[in-house]
PDB file of N, CA and C in Angstrom:
ATOM      1  N   MET A   1     -47.289 -32.285 -20.932  1.00  0.00           N
ATOM      2  CA  MET A   1     -47.893 -32.091 -19.779  1.00  0.00           C
ATOM      3  C   MET A   1     -46.345 -32.906 -18.461  1.00  0.00           C
ATOM      4  N   LYS A   2     -46.415 -33.911 -18.956  1.00  0.00           N
ATOM      5  CA  LYS A   2     -45.228 -34.470 -18.169  1.00  0.00           C
ATOM      6  C   LYS A   2     -44.186 -33.406 -17.810  1.00  0.00           C
ATOM      7  N   LYS A   3     -43.500 -33.574 -19.317  1.00  0.00           N
ATOM      8  CA  LYS A   3     -42.615 -32.246 -19.502  1.00  0.00           C
ATOM      9  C   LYS A   3     -42.584 -31.301 -18.504  1.00  0.00           C
ATOM     10  N   LEU A   4     -43.344 -30.389 -19.018  1.00  0.00           N
ATOM     11  CA  LEU A   4     -43.982 -29.111 -17.980  1.00  0.00           C
ATOM     12  C   LEU A   4     -43.563 -29.555 -16.770  1.00  0.00           C
ATOM     13  N   LEU A   5     -44.129 -30.614 -15.888  1.00  0.00           N
ATOM     14  CA  LEU A   5     -44.291 -30.593 -14.473  1.00  0.00           C
ATOM     15  C   LEU A   5     -42.824 -30.853 -14.298  1.00  0.00           C
ATOM     16  N   LEU A   6     -41.570 -31.663 -15.105  1.00  0.00           N
ATOM     17  CA  LEU A   6     -41.104 -31.947 -14.952  1.00  0.00           C
ATOM     18  C   LEU A   6     -39.485 -30.762 -14.797  1.00  0.00           C
ATOM     19  N   LEU A   7     -39.873 -29.627 -15.867  1.00  0.00           N
ATOM     20  CA  LEU A   7     -39.071 -28.598 -15.927  1.00  0.00           C
ATOM     21  C   LEU A   7     -39.398 -27.701 -14.787  1.00  0.00           C
ATOM     22  N   ILE A   8     -40.843 -27.428 -14.607  1.00  0.00           N
ATOM     23  CA  ILE A   8     -40.959 -26.920 -12.956  1.00  0.00           C
ATOM     24  C   ILE A   8     -40.249 -27.149 -11.859  1.00  0.00           C
ATOM     25  N   PHE A   9     -40.266 -28.818 -11.935  1.00  0.00           N
ATOM     26  CA  PHE A   9     -39.356 -29.029 -11.004  1.00  0.00           C
ATOM     27  C   PHE A   9     -38.144 -29.111 -10.459  1.00  0.00           C
ATOM     28  N   MET A  10     -37.574 -29.090 -11.670  1.00  0.00           N
ATOM     29  CA  MET A  10     -36.022 -29.095 -12.088  1.00  0.00           C
ATOM     30  C   MET A  10     -36.169 -27.627 -11.774  1.00  0.00           C
ATOM     31  N   LEU A  11     -36.614 -26.564 -12.004  1.00  0.00           N
ATOM     32  CA  LEU A  11     -36.195 -25.168 -11.901  1.00  0.00           C
ATOM     33  C   LEU A  11     -36.448 -25.046 -10.674  1.00  0.00           C
ATOM     34  N   CYS A  12     -37.383 -25.518  -9.313  1.00  0.00           N
ATOM     35  CA  CYS A  12     -37.461 -25.033  -8.464  1.00  0.00           C
ATOM     36  C   CYS A  12     -36.538 -25.853  -7.874  1.00  0.00           C
ATOM     37  N   PHE A  13     -35.946 -26.788  -7.672  1.00  0.00           N
ATOM     38  CA  PHE A  13     -34.831 -27.845  -7.002  1.00  0.00           C
ATOM     39  C   PHE A  13     -33.181 -26.969  -7.523  1.00  0.00           C
ATOM     40  N   ALA A  14     -33.444 -26.145  -8.569  1.00  0.00           N
ATOM     41  CA  ALA A  14     -32.119 -25.775  -8.575  1.00  0.00           C
ATOM     42  C   ALA A  14     -32.077 -24.139  -8.199  1.00  0.00           C
ATOM     43  N   ASN A  15     -33.110 -23.651  -7.894  1.00  0.00           N
ATOM     44  CA  ASN A  15     -33.422 -22.222  -7.626  1.00  0.00           C
ATOM     45  C   ASN A  15     -32.933 -22.894  -5.592  1.00  0.00           C
ATOM     46  N   MET A  16     -33.787 -24.003  -5.272  1.00  0.00           N
ATOM     47  CA  MET A  16     -33.199 -24.122  -3.857  1.00  0.00           C
ATOM     48  C   MET A  16     -32.262 -24.143  -3.622  1.00  0.00           C
ATOM     49  N   ASN A  17     -31.406 -25.232  -4.644  1.00  0.00           N
ATOM     50  CA  ASN A  17     -29.724 -25.366  -4.574  1.00  0.00           C
ATOM     51  C   ASN A  17     -28.868 -23.986  -4.763  1.00  0.00           C
ATOM     52  N   ALA A  18     -29.119 -22.955  -5.112  1.00  0.00           N
ATOM     53  CA  ALA A  18     -28.935 -21.772  -5.314  1.00  0.00           C
ATOM     54  C   ALA A  18     -28.584 -21.264  -4.172  1.00  0.00           C
ATOM     55  N   GLN A  19     -30.224 -21.224  -3.448  1.00  0.00           N
ATOM     56  CA  GLN A  19     -30.346 -20.255  -2.638  1.00  0.00           C
ATOM     57  C   GLN A  19     -29.250 -21.065  -1.576  1.00  0.00           C
ATOM     58  N   GLU A  20     -29.008 -22.243  -0.798  1.00  0.00           N
ATOM     59  CA  GLU A  20     -27.960 -22.909  -0.427  1.00  0.00           C
ATOM     60  C   GLU A  20     -27.095 -22.764  -0.385  1.00  0.00           C
ATOM     61  N   LYS A  21     -26.300 -21.885  -1.660  1.00  0.00           N
ATOM     62  CA  LYS A  21     -25.396 -21.980  -1.352  1.00  0.00           C
ATOM     63  C   LYS A  21     -24.441 -20.426  -1.386  1.00  0.00           C
ATOM     64  N   SER A  22     -25.893 -19.752  -1.615  1.00  0.00           N
ATOM     65  CA  SER A  22     -25.611 -17.827  -0.924  1.00  0.00           C
ATOM     66  C   SER A  22     -26.582 -17.917   0.261  1.00  0.00           C
ATOM     67  N   LYS A  23     -26.479 -18.674   1.047  1.00  0.00           N
ATOM     68  CA  LYS A  23     -26.939 -18.114   2.430  1.00  0.00           C
ATOM     69  C   LYS A  23     -25.497 -17.254   3.446  1.00  0.00           C
ATOM     70  N   ALA A  24     -26.474 -16.744   4.170  1.00  0.00           N
ATOM     71  CA  ALA A  24     -25.345 -15.795   5.203  1.00  0.00           C
ATOM     72  C   ALA A  24     -24.358 -16.376   5.757  1.00  0.00           C
ATOM     73  N   GLN A  25     -23.164 -16.159   6.513  1.00  0.00           N
ATOM     74  CA  GLN A  25     -22.132 -16.893   6.963  1.00  0.00           C
ATOM     75  C   GLN A  25     -21.171 -15.938   7.413  1.00  0.00           C
ATOM     76  N   ILE A  26     -20.710 -16.049   8.760  1.00  0.00           N
ATOM     77  CA  ILE A  26     -19.643 -15.281   9.340  1.00  0.00           C
ATOM     78  C   ILE A  26     -18.490 -16.108   8.487  1.00  0.00           C
ATOM     79  N   VAL A  27     -17.334 -14.976   8.248  1.00  0.00           N
ATOM     80  CA  VAL A  27     -16.399 -15.539   7.760  1.00  0.00           C
ATOM     81  C   VAL A  27     -15.186 -14.770   8.428  1.00  0.00           C
ATOM     82  N   GLU A  28     -14.001 -14.737   8.712  1.00  0.00           N
ATOM     83  CA  GLU A  28     -12.589 -14.292   8.691  1.00  0.00           C
ATOM     84  C   GLU A  28     -12.311 -13.367   7.455  1.00  0.00           C
ATOM     85  N   ALA A  29     -12.545 -11.897   7.877  1.00  0.00           N
ATOM     86  CA  ALA A  29     -11.931 -11.143   6.863  1.00  0.00           C
ATOM     87  C   ALA A  29     -10.896 -10.536   6.857  1.00  0.00           C
ATOM     88  N   SER A  30      -9.763 -10.285   6.301  1.00  0.00           N
ATOM     89  CA  SER A  30      -8.518  -9.016   6.242  1.00  0.00           C
ATOM     90  C   SER A  30      -7.980  -8.888   5.340  1.00  0.00           C
ATOM     91  N   CYS A  31      -6.761  -8.520   5.222  1.00  0.00           N
ATOM     92  CA  CYS A  31      -5.803  -8.136   4.036  1.00  0.00           C
ATOM     93  C   CYS A  31      -5.439  -9.361   3.817  1.00  0.00           C
ATOM     94  N   GLY A  32      -5.329 -10.263   2.364  1.00  0.00           N
ATOM     95  CA  GLY A  32      -4.719 -11.177   1.984  1.00  0.00           C
ATOM     96  C   GLY A  32      -2.833 -11.572   2.415  1.00  0.00           C
ATOM     97  N   GLN A  33      -2.799 -10.142   1.644  1.00  0.00           N
ATOM     98  CA  GLN A  33      -1.607 -10.641   1.726  1.00  0.00           C
ATOM     99  C   GLN A  33      -0.370 -10.208   3.379  1.00  0.00           C
ATOM    100  N   CYS A  34      -1.139  -9.473   4.102  1.00  0.00           N
ATOM    101  CA  CYS A  34      -0.773  -9.053   5.483  1.00  0.00           C
ATOM    102  C   CYS A  34      -1.179  -9.827   6.201  1.00  0.00           C
ATOM    103  N   GLN A  35      -2.285 -10.464   6.775  1.00  0.00           N
ATOM    104  CA  GLN A  35      -2.852 -11.243   7.625  1.00  0.00           C
ATOM    105  C   GLN A  35      -2.793 -13.182   7.261  1.00  0.00           C
ATOM    106  N   PHE A  36      -3.586 -12.941   6.169  1.00  0.00           N
ATOM    107  CA  PHE A  36      -3.150 -14.725   5.706  1.00  0.00           C
ATOM    108  C   PHE A  36      -1.937 -14.934   4.953  1.00  0.00           C
ATOM    109  N   GLY A  37      -1.465 -14.636   4.507  1.00  0.00           N
ATOM    110  CA  GLY A  37      -0.399 -15.047   4.482  1.00  0.00           C
ATOM    111  C   GLY A  37       0.450 -15.290   2.500  1.00  0.00           C
ATOM    112  N   MET A  38      -1.157 -14.385   1.919  1.00  0.00           N
ATOM    113  CA  MET A  38      -1.543 -15.305   0.380  1.00  0.00           C
ATOM    114  C   MET A  38      -0.365 -14.442  -0.630  1.00  0.00           C
ATOM    115  N   LYS A  39       0.079 -14.941  -1.613  1.00  0.00           N
ATOM    116  CA  LYS A  39       1.172 -14.486  -2.522  1.00  0.00           C
ATOM    117  C   LYS A  39       0.960 -14.886  -3.626  1.00  0.00           C
ATOM    118  N   GLU A  40      -0.012 -14.873  -3.701  1.00  0.00           N
ATOM    119  CA  GLU A  40      -0.623 -14.985  -5.273  1.00  0.00           C
ATOM    120  C   GLU A  40      -0.294 -13.510  -5.851  1.00  0.00           C
ATOM    121  N   LYS A  41      -0.483 -12.695  -5.525  1.00  0.00           N
ATOM    122  CA  LYS A  41      -0.345 -11.103  -5.591  1.00  0.00           C
ATOM    123  C   LYS A  41       0.075  -9.873  -4.691  1.00  0.00           C
ATOM    124  N   GLY A  42       0.848  -9.226  -5.428  1.00  0.00           N
ATOM    125  CA  GLY A  42       1.351  -8.095  -4.564  1.00  0.00           C
ATOM    126  C   GLY A  42       0.122  -7.332  -3.925  1.00  0.00           C
ATOM    127  N   GLY A  43       0.439  -6.235  -2.565  1.00  0.00           N
ATOM    128  CA  GLY A  43      -0.348  -5.070  -2.416  1.00  0.00           C
ATOM    129  C   GLY A  43      -0.976  -5.495  -1.867  1.00  0.00           C
ATOM    130  N   CYS A  44      -2.110  -5.406  -0.989  1.00  0.00           N
ATOM    131  CA  CYS A  44      -3.423  -5.399   0.062  1.00  0.00           C
ATOM    132  C   CYS A  44      -4.393  -5.478  -1.052  1.00  0.00           C
ATOM    133  N   ASP A  45      -5.159  -7.044  -0.664  1.00  0.00           N
ATOM    134  CA  ASP A  45      -6.412  -7.072  -1.126  1.00  0.00           C
ATOM    135  C   ASP A  45      -7.179  -7.526   0.045  1.00  0.00           C
ATOM    136  N   LEU A  46      -8.549  -7.468  -0.190  1.00  0.00           N
ATOM    137  CA  LEU A  46      -9.728  -8.028   0.733  1.00  0.00           C
ATOM    138  C   LEU A  46      -9.315  -9.800   0.581  1.00  0.00           C
ATOM    139  N   ALA A  47      -9.655 -10.279   1.305  1.00  0.00           N
ATOM    140  CA  ALA A  47      -9.448 -11.783   1.652  1.00  0.00           C
ATOM    141  C   ALA A  47     -10.700 -12.382   2.552  1.00  0.00           C
ATOM    142  N   VAL A  48     -11.109 -13.787   2.394  1.00  0.00           N
ATOM    143  CA  VAL A  48     -12.171 -14.233   3.415  1.00  0.00           C
ATOM    144  C   VAL A  48     -11.671 -15.623   3.658  1.00  0.00           C
ATOM    145  N   ARG A  49     -11.355 -15.985   5.104  1.00  0.00           N
ATOM    146  CA  ARG A  49     -10.851 -17.319   5.578  1.00  0.00           C
ATOM    147  C   ARG A  49     -12.355 -18.223   5.690  1.00  0.00           C
ATOM    148  N   ILE A  50     -12.002 -19.134   4.664  1.00  0.00           N
ATOM    149  CA  ILE A  50     -13.988 -19.969   5.056  1.00  0.00           C
ATOM    150  C   ILE A  50     -13.363 -21.395   5.127  1.00  0.00           C
ATOM    151  N   ASP A  51     -13.681 -22.013   6.149  1.00  0.00           N
ATOM    152  CA  ASP A  51     -12.909 -23.222   6.247  1.00  0.00           C
ATOM    153  C   ASP A  51     -11.316 -23.572   6.744  1.00  0.00           C
ATOM    154  N   GLY A  52     -10.611 -22.335   7.135  1.00  0.00           N
ATOM    155  CA  GLY A  52      -9.763 -22.443   7.032  1.00  0.00           C
ATOM    156  C   GLY A  52      -8.771 -22.093   5.997  1.00  0.00           C
ATOM    157  N   LYS A  53      -9.357 -21.719   4.879  1.00  0.00           N
ATOM    158  CA  LYS A  53      -8.805 -21.596   3.645  1.00  0.00           C
ATOM    159  C   LYS A  53      -9.153 -20.077   3.330  1.00  0.00           C
ATOM    160  N   ALA A  54      -8.602 -19.396   2.672  1.00  0.00           N
ATOM    161  CA  ALA A  54      -8.096 -18.029   2.201  1.00  0.00           C
ATOM    162  C   ALA A  54      -8.832 -17.975   0.958  1.00  0.00           C
ATOM    163  N   TYR A  55      -8.901 -16.796   0.457  1.00  0.00           N
ATOM    164  CA  TYR A  55     -10.005 -16.710  -1.038  1.00  0.00           C
ATOM    165  C   TYR A  55      -9.858 -15.067  -1.241  1.00  0.00           C
ATOM    166  N   PHE A  56      -9.343 -14.637  -2.217  1.00  0.00           N
ATOM    167  CA  PHE A  56      -9.530 -13.143  -2.515  1.00  0.00           C
ATOM    168  C   PHE A  56     -10.952 -13.020  -2.723  1.00  0.00           C
ATOM    169  N   VAL A  57     -11.170 -11.904  -2.453  1.00  0.00           N
ATOM    170  CA  VAL A  57     -12.847 -11.049  -2.903  1.00  0.00           C
ATOM    171  C   VAL A  57     -13.049 -10.780  -4.553  1.00  0.00           C
ATOM    172  N   ASP A  58     -13.902 -11.018  -4.937  1.00  0.00           N
ATOM    173  CA  ASP A  58     -14.719 -10.473  -5.926  1.00  0.00           C
ATOM    174  C   ASP A  58     -16.433  -9.516  -5.294  1.00  0.00           C
ATOM    175  N   GLY A  59     -16.061  -7.898  -5.639  1.00  0.00           N
ATOM    176  CA  GLY A  59     -17.280  -7.818  -5.205  1.00  0.00           C
ATOM    177  C   GLY A  59     -17.400  -6.805  -4.457  1.00  0.00           C
ATOM    178  N   THR A  60     -16.396  -6.749  -3.618  1.00  0.00           N
ATOM    179  CA  THR A  60     -16.147  -5.530  -3.069  1.00  0.00           C
ATOM    180  C   THR A  60     -14.521  -4.792  -2.630  1.00  0.00           C
ATOM    181  N   ASP A  61     -14.290  -4.406  -2.296  1.00  0.00           N
ATOM    182  CA  ASP A  61     -12.718  -3.680  -2.202  1.00  0.00           C
ATOM    183  C   ASP A  61     -12.297  -3.760  -0.687  1.00  0.00           C
ATOM    184  N   ILE A  62     -10.683  -3.698  -0.366  1.00  0.00           N
ATOM    185  CA  ILE A  62     -10.302  -3.697   0.994  1.00  0.00           C
ATOM    186  C   ILE A  62     -10.724  -2.011   1.198  1.00  0.00           C
ATOM    187  N   ASN A  63     -10.658  -1.123   0.363  1.00  0.00           N
ATOM    188  CA  ASN A  63     -10.962   0.266   0.694  1.00  0.00           C
ATOM    189  C   ASN A  63     -12.167   0.931   0.938  1.00  0.00           C
ATOM    190  N   LYS A  64     -13.347  -0.161   0.591  1.00  0.00           N
ATOM    191  CA  LYS A  64     -14.796   0.464   1.156  1.00  0.00           C
ATOM    192  C   LYS A  64     -15.219  -0.160   2.701  1.00  0.00           C
ATOM    193  N   HIS A  65     -14.146  -0.389   3.172  1.00  0.00           N
ATOM    194  CA  HIS A  65     -14.490  -0.537   4.662  1.00  0.00           C
ATOM    195  C   HIS A  65     -13.660   0.478   5.501  1.00  0.00           C
ATOM    196  N   GLY A  66     -13.748   0.916   5.476  1.00  0.00           N
ATOM    197  CA  GLY A  66     -12.620   1.865   6.078  1.00  0.00           C
ATOM    198  C   GLY A  66     -10.857   1.844   5.670  1.00  0.00           C
ATOM    199  N   ASP A  67      -9.915   2.675   6.850  1.00  0.00           N
ATOM    200  CA  ASP A  67      -8.840   2.454   6.528  1.00  0.00           C
ATOM    201  C   ASP A  67      -7.846   1.266   6.494  1.00  0.00           C
ATOM    202  N   ALA A  68      -7.509   0.617   5.980  1.00  0.00           N
ATOM    203  CA  ALA A  68      -6.979  -0.809   5.683  1.00  0.00           C
ATOM    204  C   ALA A  68      -5.608  -1.038   6.768  1.00  0.00           C
ATOM    205  N   HIS A  69      -5.370   0.401   7.196  1.00  0.00           N
ATOM    206  CA  HIS A  69      -3.797   0.420   7.546  1.00  0.00           C
ATOM    207  C   HIS A  69      -4.180   0.780   8.977  1.00  0.00           C
ATOM    208  N   ALA A  70      -5.170   1.510   9.464  1.00  0.00           N
ATOM    209  CA  ALA A  70      -5.759   1.796  10.668  1.00  0.00           C
ATOM    210  C   ALA A  70      -5.435   0.732  11.889  1.00  0.00           C
ATOM    211  N   ALA A  71      -5.799   1.179  13.212  1.00  0.00           N
ATOM    212  CA  ALA A  71      -5.392  -0.522  13.820  1.00  0.00           C
ATOM    213  C   ALA A  71      -6.492  -1.545  14.074  1.00  0.00           C
ATOM    214  N   ASP A  72      -7.622  -1.117  13.791  1.00  0.00           N
ATOM    215  CA  ASP A  72      -8.850  -2.030  13.353  1.00  0.00           C
ATOM    216  C   ASP A  72      -9.232  -2.337  11.752  1.00  0.00           C
ATOM    217  N   GLY A  73      -8.032  -1.915  11.126  1.00  0.00           N
ATOM    218  CA  GLY A  73      -7.759  -1.722   9.795  1.00  0.00           C
ATOM    219  C   GLY A  73      -7.848  -3.618   9.397  1.00  0.00           C
ATOM    220  N   PHE A  74      -8.051  -3.938   7.747  1.00  0.00           N
ATOM    221  CA  PHE A  74      -7.669  -5.098   7.556  1.00  0.00           C
ATOM    222  C   PHE A  74      -6.075  -5.517   7.238  1.00  0.00           C
ATOM    223  N   CYS A  75      -5.306  -4.288   7.536  1.00  0.00           N
ATOM    224  CA  CYS A  75      -4.050  -4.951   7.562  1.00  0.00           C
ATOM    225  C   CYS A  75      -3.390  -5.125   8.499  1.00  0.00           C
ATOM    226  N   SER A  76      -4.264  -5.236   9.847  1.00  0.00           N
ATOM    227  CA  SER A  76      -3.876  -4.651  11.091  1.00  0.00           C
ATOM    228  C   SER A  76      -4.061  -6.026  11.955  1.00  0.00           C
ATOM    229  N   THR A  77      -5.307  -6.442  11.247  1.00  0.00           N
ATOM    230  CA  THR A  77      -6.171  -7.534  12.286  1.00  0.00           C
ATOM    231  C   THR A  77      -7.158  -7.914  11.319  1.00  0.00           C
ATOM    232  N   ILE A  78      -7.432  -9.069  12.021  1.00  0.00           N
ATOM    233  CA  ILE A  78      -8.275 -10.227  11.005  1.00  0.00           C
ATOM    234  C   ILE A  78      -9.882  -9.756  12.028  1.00  0.00           C
ATOM    235  N   ARG A  79     -10.791  -9.555  11.225  1.00  0.00           N
ATOM    236  CA  ARG A  79     -12.383  -9.055  11.531  1.00  0.00           C
ATOM    237  C   ARG A  79     -13.379  -9.874  11.292  1.00  0.00           C
ATOM    238  N   LYS A  80     -13.934 -10.139  11.438  1.00  0.00           N
ATOM    239  CA  LYS A  80     -15.357 -10.890  11.308  1.00  0.00           C
ATOM    240  C   LYS A  80     -16.815 -10.309  10.115  1.00  0.00           C
ATOM    241  N   ALA A  81     -16.734 -11.115   9.218  1.00  0.00           N
ATOM    242  CA  ALA A  81     -17.796 -10.326   8.149  1.00  0.00           C
ATOM    243  C   ALA A  81     -18.813 -11.569   8.147  1.00  0.00           C
ATOM    244  N   GLU A  82     -20.277 -10.587   7.797  1.00  0.00           N
ATOM    245  CA  GLU A  82     -21.300 -11.363   7.284  1.00  0.00           C
ATOM    246  C   GLU A  82     -21.362 -11.293   5.864  1.00  0.00           C
ATOM    247  N   VAL A  83     -21.417 -12.636   5.172  1.00  0.00           N
ATOM    248  CA  VAL A  83     -21.106 -12.899   3.758  1.00  0.00           C
ATOM    249  C   VAL A  83     -22.359 -13.589   3.193  1.00  0.00           C
ATOM    250  N   VAL A  84     -22.880 -13.003   1.979  1.00  0.00           N
ATOM    251  CA  VAL A  84     -23.476 -13.820   0.941  1.00  0.00           C
ATOM    252  C   VAL A  84     -22.343 -13.889  -0.257  1.00  0.00           C
ATOM    253  N   GLY A  85     -21.847 -15.010  -0.937  1.00  0.00           N
ATOM    254  CA  GLY A  85     -21.171 -15.384  -1.692  1.00  0.00           C
ATOM    255  C   GLY A  85     -21.417 -16.972  -2.045  1.00  0.00           C
ATOM    256  N   GLU A  86     -20.267 -16.761  -2.972  1.00  0.00           N
ATOM    257  CA  GLU A  86     -19.812 -18.319  -3.372  1.00  0.00           C
ATOM    258  C   GLU A  86     -18.508 -18.275  -4.199  1.00  0.00           C
ATOM    259  N   ILE A  87     -18.125 -19.404  -3.660  1.00  0.00           N
ATOM    260  CA  ILE A  87     -16.720 -19.212  -3.927  1.00  0.00           C
ATOM    261  C   ILE A  87     -16.637 -20.223  -5.873  1.00  0.00           C
ATOM    262  N   LYS A  88     -15.728 -19.381  -6.769  1.00  0.00           N
ATOM    263  CA  LYS A  88     -16.080 -19.657  -8.064  1.00  0.00           C
ATOM    264  C   LYS A  88     -14.322 -19.583  -8.502  1.00  0.00           C
ATOM    265  N   LYS A  89     -13.915 -20.518  -9.222  1.00  0.00           N
ATOM    266  CA  LYS A  89     -12.103 -20.105  -9.644  1.00  0.00           C
ATOM    267  C   LYS A  89     -11.484 -20.168  -8.701  1.00  0.00           C
ATOM    268  N   GLU A  90     -11.599 -20.306  -7.208  1.00  0.00           N
ATOM    269  CA  GLU A  90     -10.645 -19.919  -6.312  1.00  0.00           C
ATOM    270  C   GLU A  90     -10.369 -18.606  -5.835  1.00  0.00           C
ATOM    271  N   ARG A  91     -11.857 -17.613  -6.090  1.00  0.00           N
ATOM    272  CA  ARG A  91     -12.376 -16.536  -5.376  1.00  0.00           C
ATOM    273  C   ARG A  91     -13.755 -16.696  -4.676  1.00  0.00           C
ATOM    274  N   PHE A  92     -13.690 -16.228  -3.850  1.00  0.00           N
ATOM    275  CA  PHE A  92     -14.658 -15.648  -3.090  1.00  0.00           C
ATOM    276  C   PHE A  92     -15.657 -14.460  -4.140  1.00  0.00           C
ATOM    277  N   VAL A  93     -16.937 -14.690  -4.036  1.00  0.00           N
ATOM    278  CA  VAL A  93     -17.426 -13.809  -4.984  1.00  0.00           C
ATOM    279  C   VAL A  93     -18.685 -13.073  -4.334  1.00  0.00           C
ATOM    280  N   ALA A  94     -18.696 -11.744  -3.612  1.00  0.00           N
ATOM    281  CA  ALA A  94     -19.218 -11.465  -2.519  1.00  0.00           C
ATOM    282  C   ALA A  94     -20.492 -11.083  -3.387  1.00  0.00           C
ATOM    283  N   ASN A  95     -21.726 -11.267  -3.118  1.00  0.00           N
ATOM    284  CA  ASN A  95     -22.882 -10.985  -3.408  1.00  0.00           C
ATOM    285  C   ASN A  95     -23.253  -9.403  -2.143  1.00  0.00           C
ATOM    286  N   SER A  96     -22.761 -10.005  -1.111  1.00  0.00           N
ATOM    287  CA  SER A  96     -23.041  -9.340   0.792  1.00  0.00           C
ATOM    288  C   SER A  96     -22.027  -9.175   1.460  1.00  0.00           C
ATOM    289  N   PHE A  97     -21.229  -8.309   1.560  1.00  0.00           N
ATOM    290  CA  PHE A  97     -20.322  -8.486   3.128  1.00  0.00           C
ATOM    291  C   PHE A  97     -20.734  -6.915   3.841  1.00  0.00           C
ATOM    292  N   LYS A  98     -20.586  -7.539   5.317  1.00  0.00           N
ATOM    293  CA  LYS A  98     -20.997  -6.271   5.802  1.00  0.00           C
ATOM    294  C   LYS A  98     -19.931  -6.997   7.295  1.00  0.00           C
ATOM    295  N   LEU A  99     -19.362  -5.550   6.984  1.00  0.00           N
ATOM    296  CA  LEU A  99     -18.744  -6.027   8.102  1.00  0.00           C
ATOM    297  C   LEU A  99     -18.995  -5.556   9.575  1.00  0.00           C
ATOM    298  N   LEU A 100     -18.504  -6.750  10.641  1.00  0.00           N
ATOM    299  CA  LEU A 100     -19.047  -7.064  11.834  1.00  0.00           C
ATOM    300  C   LEU A 100     -18.483  -6.058  12.525  1.00  0.00           C
ATOM    301  N   PRO A 101     -18.868  -5.473  13.467  1.00  0.00           N
ATOM    302  CA  PRO A 101     -17.984  -4.710  14.883  1.00  0.00           C
ATOM    303  C   PRO A 101     -17.157  -5.347  15.576  1.00  0.00           C
ATOM    304  N   VAL A 102     -16.596  -4.417  15.840  1.00  0.00           N
ATOM    305  CA  VAL A 102     -15.174  -5.586  16.588  1.00  0.00           C
ATOM    306  C   VAL A 102     -15.847  -5.535  17.994  1.00  0.00           C
ATOM    307  N   ALA A 103     -15.289  -6.449  18.627  1.00  0.00           N
ATOM    308  CA  ALA A 103     -15.935  -7.188  19.718  1.00  0.00           C
ATOM    309  C   ALA A 103     -15.591  -5.960  20.843  1.00  0.00           C
ATOM    310  N   ALA A 104     -16.570  -5.655  21.858  1.00  0.00           N
ATOM    311  CA  ALA A 104     -15.901  -4.826  22.801  1.00  0.00           C
ATOM    312  C   ALA A 104     -15.141  -5.735  23.832  1.00  0.00           C
ATOM    313  N   LYS A 105     -13.940  -5.637  24.467  1.00  0.00           N
ATOM    314  CA  LYS A 105     -12.848  -5.988  25.387  1.00  0.00           C
ATOM    315  C   LYS A 105     -13.741  -6.131  26.653  1.00  0.00           C
ATOM    316  N   THR A 106     -13.946  -7.106  27.555  1.00  0.00           N
ATOM    317  CA  THR A 106     -14.627  -7.723  29.023  1.00  0.00           C
ATOM    318  C   THR A 106     -13.192  -6.668  29.615  1.00  0.00           C
ATOM    319  N   PRO A 107     -13.638  -5.471  30.629  1.00  0.00           N
ATOM    320  CA  PRO A 107     -12.398  -5.563  31.120  1.00  0.00           C
ATOM    321  C   PRO A 107     -12.077  -6.319  32.221  1.00  0.00           C
ATOM    322  N   ASP A 108     -10.808  -6.057  32.833  1.00  0.00           N
ATOM    323  CA  ASP A 108     -10.268  -7.030  33.624  1.00  0.00           C
ATOM    324  C   ASP A 108     -10.543  -6.740  35.114  1.00  0.00           C
ATOM    325  N   PRO A 109     -10.952  -7.172  35.586  1.00  0.00           N
ATOM    326  CA  PRO A 109     -11.563  -7.500  37.095  1.00  0.00           C
ATOM    327  C   PRO A 109     -10.359  -6.916  38.143  1.00  0.00           C
ATOM    328  N   HIS A 110      -9.255  -7.210  38.072  1.00  0.00           N
ATOM    329  CA  HIS A 110      -8.281  -7.323  38.192  1.00  0.00           C
ATOM    330  C   HIS A 110      -7.024  -5.625  38.217  1.00  0.00           C
ATOM    331  N   ALA A 111      -7.361  -5.222  36.844  1.00  0.00           N
ATOM    332  CA  ALA A 111      -6.971  -4.568  36.381  1.00  0.00           C
ATOM    333  C   ALA A 111      -6.546  -3.069  37.523  1.00  0.00           C
ATOM    334  N   GLY A 112      -5.932  -2.831  37.868  1.00  0.00           N
ATOM    335  CA  GLY A 112      -5.558  -1.620  38.601  1.00  0.00           C
ATOM    336  C   GLY A 112      -5.445  -1.966  40.178  1.00  0.00           C
ATOM    337  N   HIS A 113      -5.581  -2.822  40.351  1.00  0.00           N
ATOM    338  CA  HIS A 113      -5.601  -3.766  42.178  1.00  0.00           C
ATOM    339  C   HIS A 113      -4.280  -4.110  42.090  1.00  0.00           C
ATOM    340  N   LYS A 114      -3.650  -3.581  43.344  1.00  0.00           N
ATOM    341  CA  LYS A 114      -2.428  -3.835  43.993  1.00  0.00           C
ATOM    342  C   LYS A 114      -2.217  -5.013  44.547  1.00  0.00           C
ATOM    343  N   HIS A 115      -1.819  -5.829  44.836  1.00  0.00           N
ATOM    344  CA  HIS A 115      -1.837  -6.872  45.940  1.00  0.00           C
ATOM    345  C   HIS A 115      -0.321  -7.134  46.530  1.00  0.00           C
TER     346      HIS A 115
END
């Protein structure tokens, strides 16, 4: 009986620990080569920056989130994304990847005024 309770406790603890690793977080997302200066491979590949370090992404693709070479695309700008996943072998393995909308710029109250 004690072994069974210990096993149940360990499984519950392991499950809580796994959920902690995989909670949603907001990260910077962009082309690893064009915006984050990653040189491990050529071409254009989706990457995220977490705590100042960039990781290529597994589980989604740069082309699944619009035209990477558009003005608001990953090769042209750094965007925000809500992700769930974990870092494995120096790559971010995404269980979920949601690109957040580009924040609207606040109009400059002085634009168009002549002094």
